[in-house]
Amino acid sequence: QFIELHLETANRLQPSDRPSLPRGKLINYSWMFDWQRLNDRSSRELNSVASELAGRQEESEHSHKNLLELSREFKRNVPEEVREMVAPVLKSFQNQ
């Protein structure tokens, strides 16, 4: 934090008032600290998104299994004539 404060102060000074260190040196240090902070934040965000996606995928798989079971149960418990009548609707859902 001291270096960041120093860099902010150095960047506000007029070119003639700045310390004798080359400007490139200040930029490199600033870049290094900003990169680390960005990397840490990105890692946290990626972990959060990965956890959320894993949860959604698990939920989707559970829903898919439930839908398959309901379809099987429907086929077992409904007369053939009714199944033929609703077949186009079921096919439409299966395609999606």
N, C-alpha and C. Protein backbone atom coordinates (compact mmCIF):
# COMPACT_ATOMS: atom_id res chain seq x y z
N GLN A 1 0.81 -1.19 0.00
CA GLN A 1 0.00 0.00 0.00
C GLN A 1 0.86 1.26 0.00
N PHE A 2 2.02 1.17 0.67
CA PHE A 2 2.92 2.31 0.67
C PHE A 2 3.37 2.62 -0.74
N ILE A 3 3.70 1.57 -1.49
CA ILE A 3 4.17 1.78 -2.86
C ILE A 3 3.05 2.37 -3.71
N GLU A 4 1.82 1.87 -3.54
CA GLU A 4 0.70 2.42 -4.30
C GLU A 4 0.49 3.90 -3.98
N LEU A 5 0.58 4.25 -2.69
CA LEU A 5 0.42 5.64 -2.29
C LEU A 5 1.53 6.49 -2.90
N HIS A 6 2.75 5.97 -2.85
CA HIS A 6 3.89 6.68 -3.44
C HIS A 6 3.67 6.88 -4.94
N LEU A 7 3.17 5.83 -5.59
CA LEU A 7 2.94 5.94 -7.04
C LEU A 7 1.86 6.96 -7.35
N GLU A 8 0.78 6.96 -6.58
CA GLU A 8 -0.28 7.94 -6.80
C GLU A 8 0.25 9.35 -6.62
N THR A 9 1.05 9.56 -5.58
CA THR A 9 1.63 10.88 -5.33
C THR A 9 2.56 11.27 -6.45
N ALA A 10 3.40 10.34 -6.89
CA ALA A 10 4.36 10.62 -7.96
C ALA A 10 3.65 10.95 -9.26
N ASN A 11 2.55 10.30 -9.52
CA ASN A 11 1.83 10.56 -10.77
C ASN A 11 1.13 11.92 -10.76
N ARG A 12 0.84 12.48 -9.59
CA ARG A 12 0.19 13.79 -9.51
C ARG A 12 1.18 14.95 -9.65
N LEU A 13 2.45 14.67 -9.44
CA LEU A 13 3.46 15.73 -9.53
C LEU A 13 3.71 16.13 -10.98
N GLN A 14 4.15 17.34 -11.16
CA GLN A 14 4.56 17.79 -12.48
C GLN A 14 5.85 17.06 -12.86
N PRO A 15 6.11 16.87 -14.15
CA PRO A 15 7.32 16.14 -14.56
C PRO A 15 8.60 16.67 -13.92
N SER A 16 8.71 17.97 -13.73
CA SER A 16 9.94 18.53 -13.15
C SER A 16 10.03 18.26 -11.65
N ASP A 17 8.92 17.97 -10.98
CA ASP A 17 8.90 17.74 -9.53
C ASP A 17 9.02 16.26 -9.16
N ARG A 18 8.95 15.38 -10.11
CA ARG A 18 8.93 13.95 -9.80
C ARG A 18 10.29 13.47 -9.32
N PRO A 19 10.30 12.35 -8.59
CA PRO A 19 11.57 11.79 -8.12
C PRO A 19 12.46 11.42 -9.30
N SER A 20 13.72 11.16 -8.99
CA SER A 20 14.68 10.90 -10.05
C SER A 20 14.55 9.49 -10.65
N LEU A 21 13.73 8.64 -10.07
CA LEU A 21 13.53 7.31 -10.65
C LEU A 21 12.89 7.44 -12.02
N PRO A 22 13.29 6.61 -12.95
CA PRO A 22 12.66 6.68 -14.28
C PRO A 22 11.17 6.37 -14.18
N ARG A 23 10.40 7.05 -14.97
CA ARG A 23 8.94 6.87 -14.96
C ARG A 23 8.56 5.43 -15.27
N GLY A 24 9.26 4.78 -16.17
CA GLY A 24 8.99 3.38 -16.51
C GLY A 24 9.07 2.47 -15.30
N LYS A 25 9.98 2.76 -14.40
CA LYS A 25 10.14 1.97 -13.19
C LYS A 25 8.88 2.06 -12.33
N LEU A 26 8.33 3.25 -12.18
CA LEU A 26 7.10 3.44 -11.41
C LEU A 26 5.94 2.69 -12.06
N ILE A 27 5.83 2.78 -13.36
CA ILE A 27 4.75 2.11 -14.08
C ILE A 27 4.85 0.60 -13.91
N ASN A 28 6.07 0.06 -13.97
CA ASN A 28 6.24 -1.39 -13.82
C ASN A 28 5.77 -1.86 -12.45
N TYR A 29 6.13 -1.13 -11.38
CA TYR A 29 5.69 -1.52 -10.05
C TYR A 29 4.17 -1.41 -9.94
N SER A 30 3.63 -0.34 -10.46
CA SER A 30 2.18 -0.15 -10.43
C SER A 30 1.49 -1.29 -11.16
N TRP A 31 1.99 -1.63 -12.32
CA TRP A 31 1.41 -2.71 -13.13
C TRP A 31 1.45 -4.02 -12.36
N MET A 32 2.58 -4.29 -11.69
CA MET A 32 2.74 -5.55 -10.97
C MET A 32 1.69 -5.68 -9.86
N PHE A 33 1.50 -4.62 -9.09
CA PHE A 33 0.54 -4.68 -7.99
C PHE A 33 -0.90 -4.73 -8.51
N ASP A 34 -1.19 -3.96 -9.54
CA ASP A 34 -2.53 -4.00 -10.12
C ASP A 34 -2.82 -5.37 -10.71
N TRP A 35 -1.83 -5.98 -11.35
CA TRP A 35 -2.00 -7.31 -11.95
C TRP A 35 -2.33 -8.33 -10.86
N GLN A 36 -1.61 -8.29 -9.75
CA GLN A 36 -1.85 -9.24 -8.66
C GLN A 36 -3.25 -9.07 -8.10
N ARG A 37 -3.67 -7.83 -7.89
CA ARG A 37 -5.01 -7.57 -7.37
C ARG A 37 -6.07 -8.07 -8.36
N LEU A 38 -5.87 -7.80 -9.64
CA LEU A 38 -6.80 -8.25 -10.67
C LEU A 38 -6.84 -9.77 -10.72
N ASN A 39 -5.68 -10.40 -10.62
CA ASN A 39 -5.60 -11.86 -10.64
C ASN A 39 -6.34 -12.46 -9.46
N ASP A 40 -6.16 -11.90 -8.27
CA ASP A 40 -6.86 -12.40 -7.08
C ASP A 40 -8.37 -12.25 -7.23
N ARG A 41 -8.81 -11.08 -7.71
CA ARG A 41 -10.24 -10.84 -7.89
C ARG A 41 -10.81 -11.77 -8.95
N SER A 42 -10.08 -11.96 -10.04
CA SER A 42 -10.54 -12.84 -11.11
C SER A 42 -10.65 -14.27 -10.62
N SER A 43 -9.69 -14.71 -9.82
CA SER A 43 -9.74 -16.08 -9.29
C SER A 43 -10.97 -16.27 -8.41
N ARG A 44 -11.26 -15.29 -7.57
CA ARG A 44 -12.46 -15.41 -6.71
C ARG A 44 -13.73 -15.44 -7.56
N GLU A 45 -13.79 -14.58 -8.57
CA GLU A 45 -14.97 -14.55 -9.44
C GLU A 45 -15.11 -15.85 -10.22
N LEU A 46 -14.00 -16.37 -10.73
CA LEU A 46 -14.06 -17.64 -11.47
C LEU A 46 -14.52 -18.78 -10.57
N ASN A 47 -14.01 -18.83 -9.35
CA ASN A 47 -14.43 -19.87 -8.42
C ASN A 47 -15.92 -19.76 -8.12
N SER A 48 -16.39 -18.55 -7.96
CA SER A 48 -17.81 -18.33 -7.68
C SER A 48 -18.67 -18.78 -8.86
N VAL A 49 -18.28 -18.40 -10.06
CA VAL A 49 -19.03 -18.78 -11.27
C VAL A 49 -18.98 -20.29 -11.46
N ALA A 50 -17.81 -20.90 -11.22
CA ALA A 50 -17.69 -22.35 -11.37
C ALA A 50 -18.61 -23.08 -10.39
N SER A 51 -18.68 -22.61 -9.16
CA SER A 51 -19.57 -23.22 -8.17
C SER A 51 -21.03 -23.09 -8.59
N GLU A 52 -21.38 -21.91 -9.08
CA GLU A 52 -22.76 -21.68 -9.52
C GLU A 52 -23.10 -22.58 -10.71
N LEU A 53 -22.19 -22.71 -11.66
CA LEU A 53 -22.43 -23.57 -12.82
C LEU A 53 -22.55 -25.03 -12.41
N ALA A 54 -21.71 -25.47 -11.49
CA ALA A 54 -21.79 -26.85 -11.02
C ALA A 54 -23.14 -27.11 -10.36
N GLY A 55 -23.62 -26.16 -9.57
CA GLY A 55 -24.93 -26.30 -8.94
C GLY A 55 -26.05 -26.36 -9.96
N ARG A 56 -25.96 -25.51 -10.96
CA ARG A 56 -27.00 -25.52 -12.01
C ARG A 56 -26.96 -26.81 -12.81
N GLN A 57 -25.76 -27.31 -13.09
CA GLN A 57 -25.65 -28.55 -13.85
C GLN A 57 -26.24 -29.71 -13.05
N GLU A 58 -25.94 -29.74 -11.76
CA GLU A 58 -26.49 -30.79 -10.90
C GLU A 58 -28.02 -30.71 -10.87
N GLU A 59 -28.54 -29.51 -10.75
CA GLU A 59 -29.99 -29.31 -10.75
C GLU A 59 -30.60 -29.74 -12.08
N SER A 60 -29.93 -29.43 -13.17
CA SER A 60 -30.41 -29.80 -14.50
C SER A 60 -30.44 -31.32 -14.66
N GLU A 61 -29.38 -31.99 -14.20
CA GLU A 61 -29.34 -33.45 -14.29
C GLU A 61 -30.46 -34.07 -13.46
N HIS A 62 -30.70 -33.52 -12.28
CA HIS A 62 -31.78 -34.03 -11.42
C HIS A 62 -33.13 -33.84 -12.11
N SER A 63 -33.35 -32.67 -12.70
CA SER A 63 -34.61 -32.40 -13.40
C SER A 63 -34.78 -33.33 -14.60
N HIS A 64 -33.69 -33.58 -15.31
CA HIS A 64 -33.75 -34.47 -16.47
C HIS A 64 -34.14 -35.89 -16.05
N LYS A 65 -33.52 -36.38 -14.98
CA LYS A 65 -33.85 -37.72 -14.49
C LYS A 65 -35.31 -37.79 -14.04
N ASN A 66 -35.76 -36.75 -13.38
CA ASN A 66 -37.15 -36.69 -12.93
C ASN A 66 -38.10 -36.71 -14.12
N LEU A 67 -37.79 -35.96 -15.16
CA LEU A 67 -38.62 -35.92 -16.36
C LEU A 67 -38.67 -37.29 -17.04
N LEU A 68 -37.53 -37.98 -17.10
CA LEU A 68 -37.51 -39.32 -17.69
C LEU A 68 -38.40 -40.28 -16.90
N GLU A 69 -38.31 -40.20 -15.59
CA GLU A 69 -39.13 -41.08 -14.74
C GLU A 69 -40.62 -40.77 -14.92
N LEU A 70 -40.97 -39.49 -14.98
CA LEU A 70 -42.37 -39.13 -15.20
C LEU A 70 -42.87 -39.61 -16.57
N SER A 71 -42.02 -39.54 -17.58
CA SER A 71 -42.39 -40.02 -18.92
C SER A 71 -42.64 -41.52 -18.91
N ARG A 72 -41.77 -42.26 -18.23
CA ARG A 72 -41.95 -43.72 -18.14
C ARG A 72 -43.24 -44.06 -17.41
N GLU A 73 -43.47 -43.35 -16.32
CA GLU A 73 -44.68 -43.58 -15.54
C GLU A 73 -45.93 -43.26 -16.37
N PHE A 74 -45.88 -42.20 -17.13
CA PHE A 74 -46.99 -41.82 -18.00
C PHE A 74 -47.27 -42.94 -19.01
N LYS A 75 -46.22 -43.46 -19.63
CA LYS A 75 -46.40 -44.52 -20.63
C LYS A 75 -46.99 -45.79 -20.01
N ARG A 76 -46.63 -46.08 -18.76
CA ARG A 76 -47.14 -47.28 -18.10
C ARG A 76 -48.60 -47.12 -17.67
N ASN A 77 -49.00 -45.92 -17.29
CA ASN A 77 -50.30 -45.73 -16.66
C ASN A 77 -51.39 -45.16 -17.57
N VAL A 78 -51.05 -44.79 -18.79
CA VAL A 78 -52.03 -44.14 -19.67
C VAL A 78 -52.36 -45.08 -20.83
N PRO A 79 -53.64 -45.17 -21.19
CA PRO A 79 -54.04 -46.03 -22.31
C PRO A 79 -53.35 -45.60 -23.62
N GLU A 80 -53.22 -46.57 -24.50
CA GLU A 80 -52.55 -46.37 -25.80
C GLU A 80 -53.17 -45.21 -26.59
N GLU A 81 -54.50 -45.13 -26.60
CA GLU A 81 -55.17 -44.07 -27.38
C GLU A 81 -54.77 -42.68 -26.90
N VAL A 82 -54.69 -42.51 -25.60
CA VAL A 82 -54.31 -41.20 -25.05
C VAL A 82 -52.85 -40.89 -25.38
N ARG A 83 -51.99 -41.90 -25.27
CA ARG A 83 -50.58 -41.70 -25.60
C ARG A 83 -50.41 -41.26 -27.05
N GLU A 84 -51.19 -41.85 -27.95
CA GLU A 84 -51.10 -41.47 -29.37
C GLU A 84 -51.57 -40.03 -29.58
N MET A 85 -52.57 -39.62 -28.81
CA MET A 85 -53.08 -38.25 -28.96
C MET A 85 -52.06 -37.20 -28.48
N VAL A 86 -51.35 -37.52 -27.43
CA VAL A 86 -50.40 -36.54 -26.87
C VAL A 86 -48.98 -36.72 -27.39
N ALA A 87 -48.79 -37.72 -28.25
CA ALA A 87 -47.44 -38.01 -28.77
C ALA A 87 -46.77 -36.78 -29.42
N PRO A 88 -47.47 -36.00 -30.25
CA PRO A 88 -46.80 -34.83 -30.85
C PRO A 88 -46.30 -33.81 -29.81
N VAL A 89 -47.10 -33.64 -28.76
CA VAL A 89 -46.68 -32.70 -27.71
C VAL A 89 -45.45 -33.22 -26.99
N LEU A 90 -45.46 -34.52 -26.66
CA LEU A 90 -44.31 -35.12 -25.99
C LEU A 90 -43.06 -35.04 -26.85
N LYS A 91 -43.21 -35.31 -28.15
CA LYS A 91 -42.06 -35.22 -29.07
C LYS A 91 -41.50 -33.80 -29.09
N SER A 92 -42.38 -32.84 -29.07
CA SER A 92 -41.95 -31.43 -29.07
C SER A 92 -41.11 -31.13 -27.83
N PHE A 93 -41.56 -31.59 -26.67
CA PHE A 93 -40.79 -31.38 -25.45
C PHE A 93 -39.46 -32.12 -25.49
N GLN A 94 -39.47 -33.35 -26.02
CA GLN A 94 -38.23 -34.12 -26.09
C GLN A 94 -37.21 -33.45 -27.00
N ASN A 95 -37.67 -32.83 -28.09
CA ASN A 95 -36.75 -32.16 -29.00
C ASN A 95 -36.10 -30.93 -28.37
N GLN A 96 -36.82 -30.32 -27.46
CA GLN A 96 -36.25 -29.15 -26.79
C GLN A 96 -35.27 -29.59 -25.74
